[in-house]
């Protein structure tokens, strides 16, 4: 393969009892729900995954609380270090804007900074090509979440989400007879 695709997804859950103290941002020091994702405005677990260039899921992470953003989740799980090492061997990683500044070899779209002029034509073209290649990573998450109804809403303890998603990945690989 020429590259892999890194992305994260939220697996919804109905169990929401855990809380934590916010350590960053404007509301620092306030109590927040650990499993609540402000981005998705929903409760769930953050799962990171890698897909091949065709959009087939290769690997899924253990679960982290939905309040964790994708970049910090990838760093804490050791994914960034492993993908940076893989880049040294020639395997690039495509990721979305959530992974901006993740590391060498993890390619993300260019961002337009506030108050700056619009992106240059070459940056705009790069972003277009990048999104056309990376969008297949969304297919990997969709393949798991739509094929396995157990992933549509977890009613067990949210800490079990990772195990359930990993089982779905194994079953998906079995279903496709190792063609990917």
N, C-alpha and C. Protein backbone atom coordinates (compact mmCIF):
# COMPACT_ATOMS: atom_id res chain seq x y z
N UNK A 1 0.83 -1.20 0.00
CA UNK A 1 0.00 0.00 0.00
C UNK A 1 0.87 1.26 0.00
N UNK A 2 0.32 2.32 -0.54
CA UNK A 2 1.04 3.59 -0.59
C UNK A 2 0.83 4.41 0.67
N UNK A 3 -0.28 4.17 1.35
CA UNK A 3 -0.57 4.93 2.56
C UNK A 3 -1.65 4.21 3.38
N UNK A 4 -1.78 4.66 4.62
CA UNK A 4 -2.89 4.22 5.46
C UNK A 4 -3.67 5.47 5.86
N UNK A 5 -4.85 5.27 6.37
CA UNK A 5 -5.72 6.39 6.75
C UNK A 5 -6.03 6.26 8.24
N UNK A 6 -5.79 7.33 8.96
CA UNK A 6 -6.07 7.39 10.40
C UNK A 6 -7.29 8.26 10.62
N UNK A 7 -8.21 7.77 11.42
CA UNK A 7 -9.39 8.57 11.77
C UNK A 7 -9.94 8.07 13.09
N UNK A 8 -10.87 8.80 13.61
CA UNK A 8 -11.53 8.43 14.85
C UNK A 8 -13.03 8.48 14.66
N UNK A 9 -13.74 7.75 15.49
CA UNK A 9 -15.20 7.75 15.42
C UNK A 9 -15.75 7.62 16.83
N UNK A 10 -16.97 8.07 17.00
CA UNK A 10 -17.64 7.96 18.29
C UNK A 10 -18.66 6.84 18.21
N UNK A 11 -18.56 5.89 19.14
CA UNK A 11 -19.54 4.82 19.24
C UNK A 11 -20.50 5.22 20.36
N UNK A 12 -21.77 5.46 20.04
CA UNK A 12 -22.72 5.96 21.04
C UNK A 12 -22.97 4.98 22.19
N UNK A 13 -23.23 5.52 23.36
CA UNK A 13 -23.55 4.71 24.52
C UNK A 13 -24.67 5.37 25.32
N UNK A 14 -25.34 4.56 26.14
CA UNK A 14 -26.39 5.10 26.99
C UNK A 14 -25.93 5.24 28.43
N UNK A 15 -24.78 4.68 28.78
CA UNK A 15 -24.26 4.73 30.14
C UNK A 15 -23.40 5.97 30.30
N UNK A 16 -23.76 6.86 31.23
CA UNK A 16 -23.09 8.17 31.26
C UNK A 16 -22.73 8.65 32.67
N UNK A 17 -22.59 7.79 33.64
CA UNK A 17 -22.44 8.22 35.03
C UNK A 17 -21.11 8.89 35.36
N UNK A 18 -20.04 8.58 34.68
CA UNK A 18 -18.72 9.08 35.06
C UNK A 18 -18.54 10.56 34.74
N UNK A 19 -17.83 11.27 35.63
CA UNK A 19 -17.51 12.68 35.40
C UNK A 19 -16.01 12.88 35.61
N UNK A 20 -15.52 14.01 35.15
CA UNK A 20 -14.12 14.38 35.32
C UNK A 20 -14.03 15.89 35.45
N UNK A 21 -12.87 16.38 35.84
CA UNK A 21 -12.62 17.82 35.96
C UNK A 21 -11.93 18.27 34.69
N UNK A 22 -12.45 19.29 34.05
CA UNK A 22 -11.87 19.83 32.82
C UNK A 22 -10.55 20.53 33.14
N UNK A 23 -9.49 20.18 32.40
CA UNK A 23 -8.16 20.73 32.69
C UNK A 23 -7.69 21.76 31.66
N UNK A 24 -8.42 21.90 30.56
CA UNK A 24 -8.01 22.85 29.51
C UNK A 24 -9.21 23.67 29.07
N UNK A 25 -8.94 24.75 28.38
CA UNK A 25 -10.00 25.56 27.80
C UNK A 25 -10.54 26.61 28.74
N UNK A 26 -11.61 27.24 28.32
CA UNK A 26 -12.17 28.37 29.06
C UNK A 26 -12.87 27.94 30.34
N UNK A 27 -13.42 26.74 30.37
CA UNK A 27 -14.15 26.27 31.56
C UNK A 27 -13.28 25.38 32.44
N UNK A 28 -11.99 25.62 32.46
CA UNK A 28 -11.05 24.82 33.24
C UNK A 28 -11.49 24.73 34.70
N UNK A 29 -11.44 23.53 35.27
CA UNK A 29 -11.82 23.33 36.66
C UNK A 29 -13.26 22.94 36.87
N UNK A 30 -14.07 22.93 35.83
CA UNK A 30 -15.48 22.56 35.97
C UNK A 30 -15.64 21.05 35.79
N UNK A 31 -16.69 20.52 36.33
CA UNK A 31 -16.99 19.09 36.20
C UNK A 31 -17.74 18.85 34.90
N UNK A 32 -17.27 17.87 34.12
CA UNK A 32 -17.91 17.51 32.85
C UNK A 32 -18.13 16.01 32.81
N UNK A 33 -19.07 15.57 31.97
CA UNK A 33 -19.29 14.14 31.77
C UNK A 33 -18.12 13.56 30.98
N UNK A 34 -17.52 12.52 31.50
CA UNK A 34 -16.35 11.91 30.88
C UNK A 34 -16.65 11.34 29.50
N UNK A 35 -17.83 10.78 29.31
CA UNK A 35 -18.16 10.11 28.06
C UNK A 35 -18.94 11.01 27.10
N UNK A 36 -19.04 12.30 27.39
CA UNK A 36 -19.77 13.22 26.51
C UNK A 36 -18.82 13.85 25.49
N UNK A 37 -19.19 13.75 24.23
CA UNK A 37 -18.41 14.37 23.15
C UNK A 37 -19.09 15.68 22.75
N UNK A 38 -18.43 16.79 23.02
CA UNK A 38 -18.98 18.08 22.63
C UNK A 38 -19.07 18.21 21.12
N UNK A 39 -18.13 17.62 20.41
CA UNK A 39 -18.13 17.66 18.95
C UNK A 39 -19.39 17.00 18.37
N UNK A 40 -19.75 15.86 18.93
CA UNK A 40 -20.90 15.11 18.42
C UNK A 40 -22.18 15.40 19.19
N UNK A 41 -22.03 16.13 20.30
CA UNK A 41 -23.16 16.42 21.18
C UNK A 41 -23.90 15.14 21.55
N UNK A 42 -23.12 14.16 21.96
CA UNK A 42 -23.65 12.85 22.26
C UNK A 42 -22.70 12.14 23.23
N UNK A 43 -23.20 11.13 23.93
CA UNK A 43 -22.38 10.31 24.81
C UNK A 43 -21.85 9.13 24.03
N UNK A 44 -20.59 8.77 24.27
CA UNK A 44 -20.04 7.62 23.59
C UNK A 44 -18.56 7.46 23.86
N UNK A 45 -17.98 6.48 23.18
CA UNK A 45 -16.56 6.18 23.31
C UNK A 45 -15.81 6.55 22.04
N UNK A 46 -14.61 7.10 22.20
CA UNK A 46 -13.75 7.47 21.08
C UNK A 46 -12.93 6.25 20.68
N UNK A 47 -13.08 5.84 19.41
CA UNK A 47 -12.31 4.74 18.85
C UNK A 47 -11.47 5.30 17.71
N UNK A 48 -10.18 5.04 17.74
CA UNK A 48 -9.29 5.40 16.65
C UNK A 48 -9.15 4.17 15.75
N UNK A 49 -8.99 4.39 14.46
CA UNK A 49 -8.83 3.25 13.57
C UNK A 49 -7.90 3.60 12.41
N UNK A 50 -7.31 2.55 11.86
CA UNK A 50 -6.49 2.66 10.65
C UNK A 50 -7.18 1.87 9.55
N UNK A 51 -7.15 2.44 8.36
CA UNK A 51 -7.72 1.77 7.19
C UNK A 51 -6.67 1.74 6.09
N UNK A 52 -6.78 0.78 5.20
CA UNK A 52 -5.86 0.76 4.07
C UNK A 52 -6.31 1.78 3.02
N UNK A 53 -5.57 1.89 1.94
CA UNK A 53 -5.85 2.90 0.92
C UNK A 53 -7.21 2.69 0.24
N UNK A 54 -7.74 1.46 0.29
CA UNK A 54 -9.04 1.17 -0.30
C UNK A 54 -10.19 1.43 0.67
N UNK A 55 -9.89 1.75 1.91
CA UNK A 55 -10.93 2.04 2.88
C UNK A 55 -11.39 0.83 3.68
N UNK A 56 -10.58 -0.21 3.76
CA UNK A 56 -10.93 -1.38 4.56
C UNK A 56 -10.28 -1.23 5.93
N UNK A 57 -11.03 -1.45 7.01
CA UNK A 57 -10.46 -1.28 8.35
C UNK A 57 -9.39 -2.32 8.65
N UNK A 58 -8.24 -1.85 9.13
CA UNK A 58 -7.12 -2.74 9.45
C UNK A 58 -6.94 -2.94 10.94
N UNK A 59 -7.20 -1.88 11.72
CA UNK A 59 -6.93 -1.91 13.16
C UNK A 59 -7.87 -0.93 13.86
N UNK A 60 -8.31 -1.29 15.05
CA UNK A 60 -9.09 -0.38 15.89
C UNK A 60 -8.47 -0.34 17.27
N UNK A 61 -8.59 0.79 17.91
CA UNK A 61 -7.97 1.02 19.22
C UNK A 61 -8.87 0.55 20.36
N UNK A 62 -8.29 0.47 21.55
CA UNK A 62 -9.15 0.37 22.73
C UNK A 62 -9.96 1.65 22.86
N UNK A 63 -11.01 1.62 23.63
CA UNK A 63 -11.88 2.79 23.77
C UNK A 63 -11.27 3.81 24.73
N UNK A 64 -11.49 5.06 24.40
CA UNK A 64 -11.21 6.18 25.30
C UNK A 64 -12.51 6.95 25.45
N UNK A 65 -12.69 7.70 26.54
CA UNK A 65 -13.93 8.45 26.71
C UNK A 65 -14.20 9.41 25.56
N UNK A 66 -15.47 9.62 25.26
CA UNK A 66 -15.89 10.49 24.17
C UNK A 66 -15.45 11.94 24.34
N UNK A 67 -15.10 12.34 25.56
CA UNK A 67 -14.64 13.71 25.77
C UNK A 67 -13.24 13.95 25.24
N UNK A 68 -12.53 12.90 24.88
CA UNK A 68 -11.16 13.03 24.36
C UNK A 68 -11.20 13.36 22.87
N UNK A 69 -10.36 14.31 22.45
CA UNK A 69 -10.30 14.62 21.02
C UNK A 69 -9.39 13.61 20.33
N UNK A 70 -9.49 13.56 19.01
CA UNK A 70 -8.79 12.53 18.25
C UNK A 70 -7.27 12.60 18.40
N UNK A 71 -6.68 13.78 18.36
CA UNK A 71 -5.23 13.89 18.43
C UNK A 71 -4.70 13.42 19.78
N UNK A 72 -5.31 13.86 20.87
CA UNK A 72 -4.81 13.42 22.18
C UNK A 72 -5.05 11.92 22.37
N UNK A 73 -6.14 11.40 21.83
CA UNK A 73 -6.39 9.96 21.90
C UNK A 73 -5.31 9.20 21.14
N UNK A 74 -4.99 9.64 19.94
CA UNK A 74 -3.96 8.97 19.13
C UNK A 74 -2.60 9.03 19.81
N UNK A 75 -2.28 10.15 20.42
CA UNK A 75 -1.00 10.27 21.13
C UNK A 75 -0.95 9.35 22.34
N UNK A 76 -2.01 9.36 23.14
CA UNK A 76 -2.03 8.53 24.35
C UNK A 76 -2.01 7.04 24.03
N UNK A 77 -2.57 6.64 22.92
CA UNK A 77 -2.59 5.24 22.53
C UNK A 77 -1.30 4.79 21.83
N UNK A 78 -0.39 5.72 21.58
CA UNK A 78 0.88 5.39 20.93
C UNK A 78 0.79 5.28 19.43
N UNK A 79 -0.32 5.67 18.86
CA UNK A 79 -0.50 5.56 17.40
C UNK A 79 0.42 6.53 16.67
N UNK A 80 0.55 7.74 17.18
CA UNK A 80 1.35 8.77 16.51
C UNK A 80 2.81 8.31 16.40
N UNK A 81 3.36 7.79 17.48
CA UNK A 81 4.74 7.31 17.44
C UNK A 81 4.94 6.19 16.44
N UNK A 82 4.01 5.24 16.43
CA UNK A 82 4.12 4.11 15.50
C UNK A 82 4.01 4.57 14.05
N UNK A 83 3.11 5.52 13.77
CA UNK A 83 2.93 5.99 12.39
C UNK A 83 4.10 6.87 11.95
N UNK A 84 4.71 7.59 12.88
CA UNK A 84 5.90 8.38 12.55
C UNK A 84 7.05 7.43 12.19
N UNK A 85 7.20 6.35 12.94
CA UNK A 85 8.22 5.35 12.62
C UNK A 85 7.94 4.69 11.27
N UNK A 86 6.67 4.42 10.97
CA UNK A 86 6.30 3.82 9.68
C UNK A 86 6.62 4.78 8.53
N UNK A 87 6.47 6.09 8.79
CA UNK A 87 6.77 7.08 7.75
C UNK A 87 8.25 7.06 7.40
N UNK A 88 9.10 6.78 8.37
CA UNK A 88 10.54 6.68 8.10
C UNK A 88 10.84 5.53 7.15
N UNK A 89 9.98 4.52 7.16
CA UNK A 89 10.13 3.38 6.25
C UNK A 89 9.37 3.58 4.94
N UNK A 90 8.72 4.76 4.78
CA UNK A 90 8.06 5.08 3.52
C UNK A 90 6.55 4.97 3.51
N UNK A 91 5.93 4.58 4.61
CA UNK A 91 4.48 4.46 4.65
C UNK A 91 3.87 5.73 5.23
N UNK A 92 3.20 6.49 4.42
CA UNK A 92 2.57 7.74 4.84
C UNK A 92 1.20 7.47 5.44
N UNK A 93 0.74 8.43 6.23
CA UNK A 93 -0.58 8.36 6.84
C UNK A 93 -1.37 9.60 6.46
N UNK A 94 -2.60 9.42 6.00
CA UNK A 94 -3.49 10.53 5.73
C UNK A 94 -4.47 10.65 6.89
N UNK A 95 -4.67 11.87 7.35
CA UNK A 95 -5.57 12.12 8.47
C UNK A 95 -6.31 13.42 8.23
N UNK A 96 -7.40 13.64 8.98
CA UNK A 96 -8.15 14.88 8.82
C UNK A 96 -7.56 15.99 9.69
N UNK A 97 -8.20 17.14 9.67
CA UNK A 97 -7.68 18.31 10.37
C UNK A 97 -7.53 18.11 11.88
N UNK A 98 -8.27 17.18 12.44
CA UNK A 98 -8.20 16.92 13.88
C UNK A 98 -6.80 16.48 14.30
N UNK A 99 -5.99 15.98 13.37
CA UNK A 99 -4.65 15.48 13.68
C UNK A 99 -3.56 16.46 13.26
N UNK A 100 -3.92 17.71 13.03
CA UNK A 100 -2.94 18.73 12.61
C UNK A 100 -1.76 18.76 13.58
N UNK A 101 -0.56 18.75 13.05
CA UNK A 101 0.69 18.77 13.83
C UNK A 101 0.89 17.49 14.64
N UNK A 102 0.35 16.37 14.17
CA UNK A 102 0.49 15.11 14.90
C UNK A 102 1.92 14.60 14.87
N UNK A 103 2.56 14.69 13.72
CA UNK A 103 3.92 14.19 13.61
C UNK A 103 4.35 14.05 12.17
N UNK A 104 5.62 13.75 12.01
CA UNK A 104 6.19 13.58 10.68
C UNK A 104 5.56 12.37 10.01
N UNK A 105 5.15 12.55 8.76
CA UNK A 105 4.55 11.45 8.01
C UNK A 105 3.05 11.33 8.15
N UNK A 106 2.46 12.10 9.07
CA UNK A 106 1.00 12.11 9.21
C UNK A 106 0.52 13.37 8.51
N UNK A 107 -0.01 13.18 7.32
CA UNK A 107 -0.36 14.30 6.44
C UNK A 107 -1.80 14.74 6.67
N UNK A 108 -1.97 16.03 6.90
CA UNK A 108 -3.29 16.62 7.12
C UNK A 108 -3.50 17.75 6.13
N UNK A 109 -4.74 18.17 5.93
CA UNK A 109 -5.01 19.29 5.02
C UNK A 109 -4.44 20.60 5.58
N UNK A 110 -4.17 21.54 4.69
CA UNK A 110 -3.76 22.87 5.12
C UNK A 110 -4.96 23.58 5.73
N UNK A 111 -4.69 24.37 6.77
CA UNK A 111 -5.74 25.15 7.42
C UNK A 111 -5.57 26.61 7.06
N UNK A 112 -6.68 27.30 6.94
CA UNK A 112 -6.64 28.74 6.76
C UNK A 112 -6.72 29.35 8.16
N UNK A 113 -5.69 30.09 8.52
CA UNK A 113 -5.67 30.71 9.84
C UNK A 113 -6.58 31.93 9.87
N UNK A 114 -7.16 32.19 11.04
CA UNK A 114 -8.06 33.34 11.19
C UNK A 114 -7.29 34.62 10.86
N UNK A 115 -7.92 35.48 10.09
CA UNK A 115 -7.31 36.76 9.73
C UNK A 115 -6.30 36.67 8.60
N UNK A 116 -6.09 35.49 8.06
CA UNK A 116 -5.13 35.30 6.98
C UNK A 116 -5.87 35.29 5.64
N UNK A 117 -5.14 35.56 4.55
CA UNK A 117 -5.79 35.50 3.22
C UNK A 117 -6.20 34.06 2.90
N UNK A 118 -7.06 33.88 1.90
CA UNK A 118 -7.47 32.53 1.51
C UNK A 118 -6.26 31.67 1.16
N UNK A 119 -6.46 30.37 1.19
CA UNK A 119 -5.37 29.44 0.87
C UNK A 119 -4.89 29.66 -0.56
N UNK A 120 -3.59 29.47 -0.75
CA UNK A 120 -3.00 29.56 -2.09
C UNK A 120 -3.55 28.41 -2.95
N UNK A 121 -3.50 28.57 -4.25
CA UNK A 121 -4.04 27.59 -5.17
C UNK A 121 -3.42 26.21 -4.98
N UNK A 122 -2.10 26.16 -4.77
CA UNK A 122 -1.45 24.85 -4.59
C UNK A 122 -1.90 24.19 -3.29
N UNK A 123 -2.14 24.97 -2.23
CA UNK A 123 -2.64 24.41 -0.98
C UNK A 123 -4.09 23.93 -1.15
N UNK A 124 -4.86 24.68 -1.89
CA UNK A 124 -6.24 24.30 -2.18
C UNK A 124 -6.28 22.99 -2.97
N UNK A 125 -5.41 22.86 -3.96
CA UNK A 125 -5.33 21.64 -4.77
C UNK A 125 -4.90 20.45 -3.92
N UNK A 126 -3.90 20.68 -3.05
CA UNK A 126 -3.44 19.63 -2.15
C UNK A 126 -4.60 19.15 -1.27
N UNK A 127 -5.36 20.09 -0.70
CA UNK A 127 -6.48 19.73 0.16
C UNK A 127 -7.52 18.91 -0.59
N UNK A 128 -7.78 19.26 -1.83
CA UNK A 128 -8.74 18.53 -2.64
C UNK A 128 -8.28 17.09 -2.88
N UNK A 129 -7.03 16.92 -3.29
CA UNK A 129 -6.49 15.58 -3.51
C UNK A 129 -6.45 14.78 -2.20
N UNK A 130 -6.04 15.43 -1.14
CA UNK A 130 -5.97 14.78 0.17
C UNK A 130 -7.35 14.26 0.59
N UNK A 131 -8.37 15.09 0.45
CA UNK A 131 -9.71 14.67 0.87
C UNK A 131 -10.26 13.55 -0.02
N UNK A 132 -9.89 13.54 -1.29
CA UNK A 132 -10.35 12.48 -2.18
C UNK A 132 -9.73 11.13 -1.81
N UNK A 133 -8.50 11.15 -1.32
CA UNK A 133 -7.86 9.91 -0.89
C UNK A 133 -8.31 9.50 0.51
N UNK A 134 -8.43 10.48 1.40
CA UNK A 134 -8.74 10.21 2.80
C UNK A 134 -10.19 9.81 3.04
N UNK A 135 -11.08 10.23 2.16
CA UNK A 135 -12.50 9.94 2.38
C UNK A 135 -12.79 8.46 2.45
N UNK A 136 -11.92 7.64 1.88
CA UNK A 136 -12.12 6.20 1.96
C UNK A 136 -11.97 5.69 3.39
N UNK A 137 -11.27 6.45 4.23
CA UNK A 137 -11.18 6.08 5.64
C UNK A 137 -12.53 6.14 6.32
N UNK A 138 -13.37 7.06 5.89
CA UNK A 138 -14.73 7.15 6.43
C UNK A 138 -15.50 5.87 6.10
N UNK A 139 -15.17 5.27 4.97
CA UNK A 139 -15.81 4.02 4.57
C UNK A 139 -15.51 2.92 5.58
N UNK A 140 -14.30 2.91 6.13
CA UNK A 140 -13.92 1.88 7.10
C UNK A 140 -14.79 1.96 8.35
N UNK A 141 -14.99 3.17 8.86
CA UNK A 141 -15.84 3.33 10.04
C UNK A 141 -17.29 2.96 9.70
N UNK A 142 -17.74 3.39 8.53
CA UNK A 142 -19.11 3.07 8.12
C UNK A 142 -19.30 1.57 7.94
N UNK A 143 -18.27 0.90 7.43
CA UNK A 143 -18.36 -0.54 7.21
C UNK A 143 -18.59 -1.25 8.55
N UNK A 144 -17.89 -0.82 9.58
CA UNK A 144 -18.07 -1.45 10.88
C UNK A 144 -19.39 -1.05 11.53
N UNK A 145 -19.69 0.24 11.52
CA UNK A 145 -20.86 0.74 12.25
C UNK A 145 -22.19 0.36 11.59
N UNK A 146 -22.22 0.23 10.28
CA UNK A 146 -23.48 -0.13 9.63
C UNK A 146 -23.66 -1.64 9.52
N UNK A 147 -22.57 -2.36 9.38
CA UNK A 147 -22.67 -3.83 9.26
C UNK A 147 -23.03 -4.47 10.59
N UNK A 148 -22.50 -3.96 11.68
CA UNK A 148 -22.69 -4.57 12.99
C UNK A 148 -23.61 -3.69 13.83
N UNK A 149 -24.86 -4.10 13.95
CA UNK A 149 -25.86 -3.29 14.65
C UNK A 149 -25.51 -3.08 16.12
N UNK A 150 -24.69 -3.94 16.68
CA UNK A 150 -24.28 -3.78 18.08
C UNK A 150 -23.50 -2.48 18.29
N UNK A 151 -22.95 -1.92 17.22
CA UNK A 151 -22.15 -0.69 17.34
C UNK A 151 -22.99 0.58 17.18
N UNK A 152 -24.26 0.44 16.93
CA UNK A 152 -25.10 1.63 16.74
C UNK A 152 -25.39 2.33 18.05
N UNK A 153 -25.52 1.59 19.14
CA UNK A 153 -25.68 2.16 20.48
C UNK A 153 -25.36 1.08 21.49
N UNK A 154 -24.32 1.33 22.26
CA UNK A 154 -23.87 0.37 23.28
C UNK A 154 -24.64 0.66 24.57
N UNK A 155 -25.26 -0.37 25.14
CA UNK A 155 -25.98 -0.18 26.39
C UNK A 155 -25.23 -0.78 27.57
N UNK A 156 -24.09 -1.38 27.32
CA UNK A 156 -23.24 -1.91 28.39
C UNK A 156 -22.35 -0.80 28.93
N UNK A 157 -21.48 -1.15 29.84
CA UNK A 157 -20.49 -0.20 30.36
C UNK A 157 -19.67 0.32 29.18
N UNK A 158 -19.46 1.64 29.07
CA UNK A 158 -18.72 2.18 27.93
C UNK A 158 -17.29 1.66 27.81
N UNK A 159 -16.72 1.17 28.89
CA UNK A 159 -15.36 0.63 28.84
C UNK A 159 -15.29 -0.63 27.99
N UNK A 160 -16.42 -1.23 27.68
CA UNK A 160 -16.47 -2.44 26.85
C UNK A 160 -16.54 -2.13 25.36
N UNK A 161 -16.71 -0.88 25.00
CA UNK A 161 -16.86 -0.51 23.59
C UNK A 161 -15.67 -0.98 22.77
N UNK A 162 -14.46 -0.79 23.26
CA UNK A 162 -13.26 -1.19 22.52
C UNK A 162 -13.25 -2.67 22.18
N UNK A 163 -13.60 -3.50 23.14
CA UNK A 163 -13.64 -4.95 22.93
C UNK A 163 -14.69 -5.31 21.89
N UNK A 164 -15.84 -4.66 21.95
CA UNK A 164 -16.92 -4.94 21.00
C UNK A 164 -16.50 -4.53 19.58
N UNK A 165 -15.87 -3.36 19.45
CA UNK A 165 -15.42 -2.90 18.13
C UNK A 165 -14.31 -3.81 17.60
N UNK A 166 -13.41 -4.25 18.47
CA UNK A 166 -12.34 -5.15 18.03
C UNK A 166 -12.92 -6.49 17.57
N UNK A 167 -13.96 -6.97 18.24
CA UNK A 167 -14.63 -8.21 17.80
C UNK A 167 -15.29 -8.00 16.44
N UNK A 168 -15.91 -6.84 16.24
CA UNK A 168 -16.53 -6.53 14.94
C UNK A 168 -15.47 -6.48 13.84
N UNK A 169 -14.29 -5.98 14.16
CA UNK A 169 -13.20 -5.94 13.17
C UNK A 169 -12.78 -7.36 12.78
N UNK A 170 -12.62 -8.23 13.76
CA UNK A 170 -12.25 -9.62 13.48
C UNK A 170 -13.32 -10.29 12.61
N UNK A 171 -14.58 -10.07 12.94
CA UNK A 171 -15.66 -10.66 12.14
C UNK A 171 -15.69 -10.09 10.72
N UNK A 172 -15.40 -8.80 10.59
CA UNK A 172 -15.35 -8.18 9.27
C UNK A 172 -14.23 -8.79 8.43
N UNK A 173 -13.07 -8.99 9.04
CA UNK A 173 -11.96 -9.62 8.32
C UNK A 173 -12.32 -11.06 7.93
N UNK A 174 -12.97 -11.77 8.83
CA UNK A 174 -13.40 -13.14 8.52
C UNK A 174 -14.41 -13.16 7.37
N UNK A 175 -15.34 -12.22 7.40
CA UNK A 175 -16.36 -12.14 6.35
C UNK A 175 -15.74 -11.89 4.97
N UNK A 176 -14.68 -11.13 4.95
CA UNK A 176 -14.05 -10.79 3.67
C UNK A 176 -12.91 -11.77 3.32
N UNK A 177 -12.78 -12.82 4.08
CA UNK A 177 -11.82 -13.91 3.80
C UNK A 177 -10.40 -13.41 3.57
N UNK A 178 -10.00 -12.40 4.29
CA UNK A 178 -8.64 -11.89 4.18
C UNK A 178 -8.28 -11.27 2.85
N UNK A 179 -9.27 -10.82 2.07
CA UNK A 179 -8.99 -10.23 0.75
C UNK A 179 -8.28 -8.91 0.85
N UNK A 180 -8.31 -8.27 2.02
CA UNK A 180 -7.65 -6.98 2.14
C UNK A 180 -6.41 -7.13 2.89
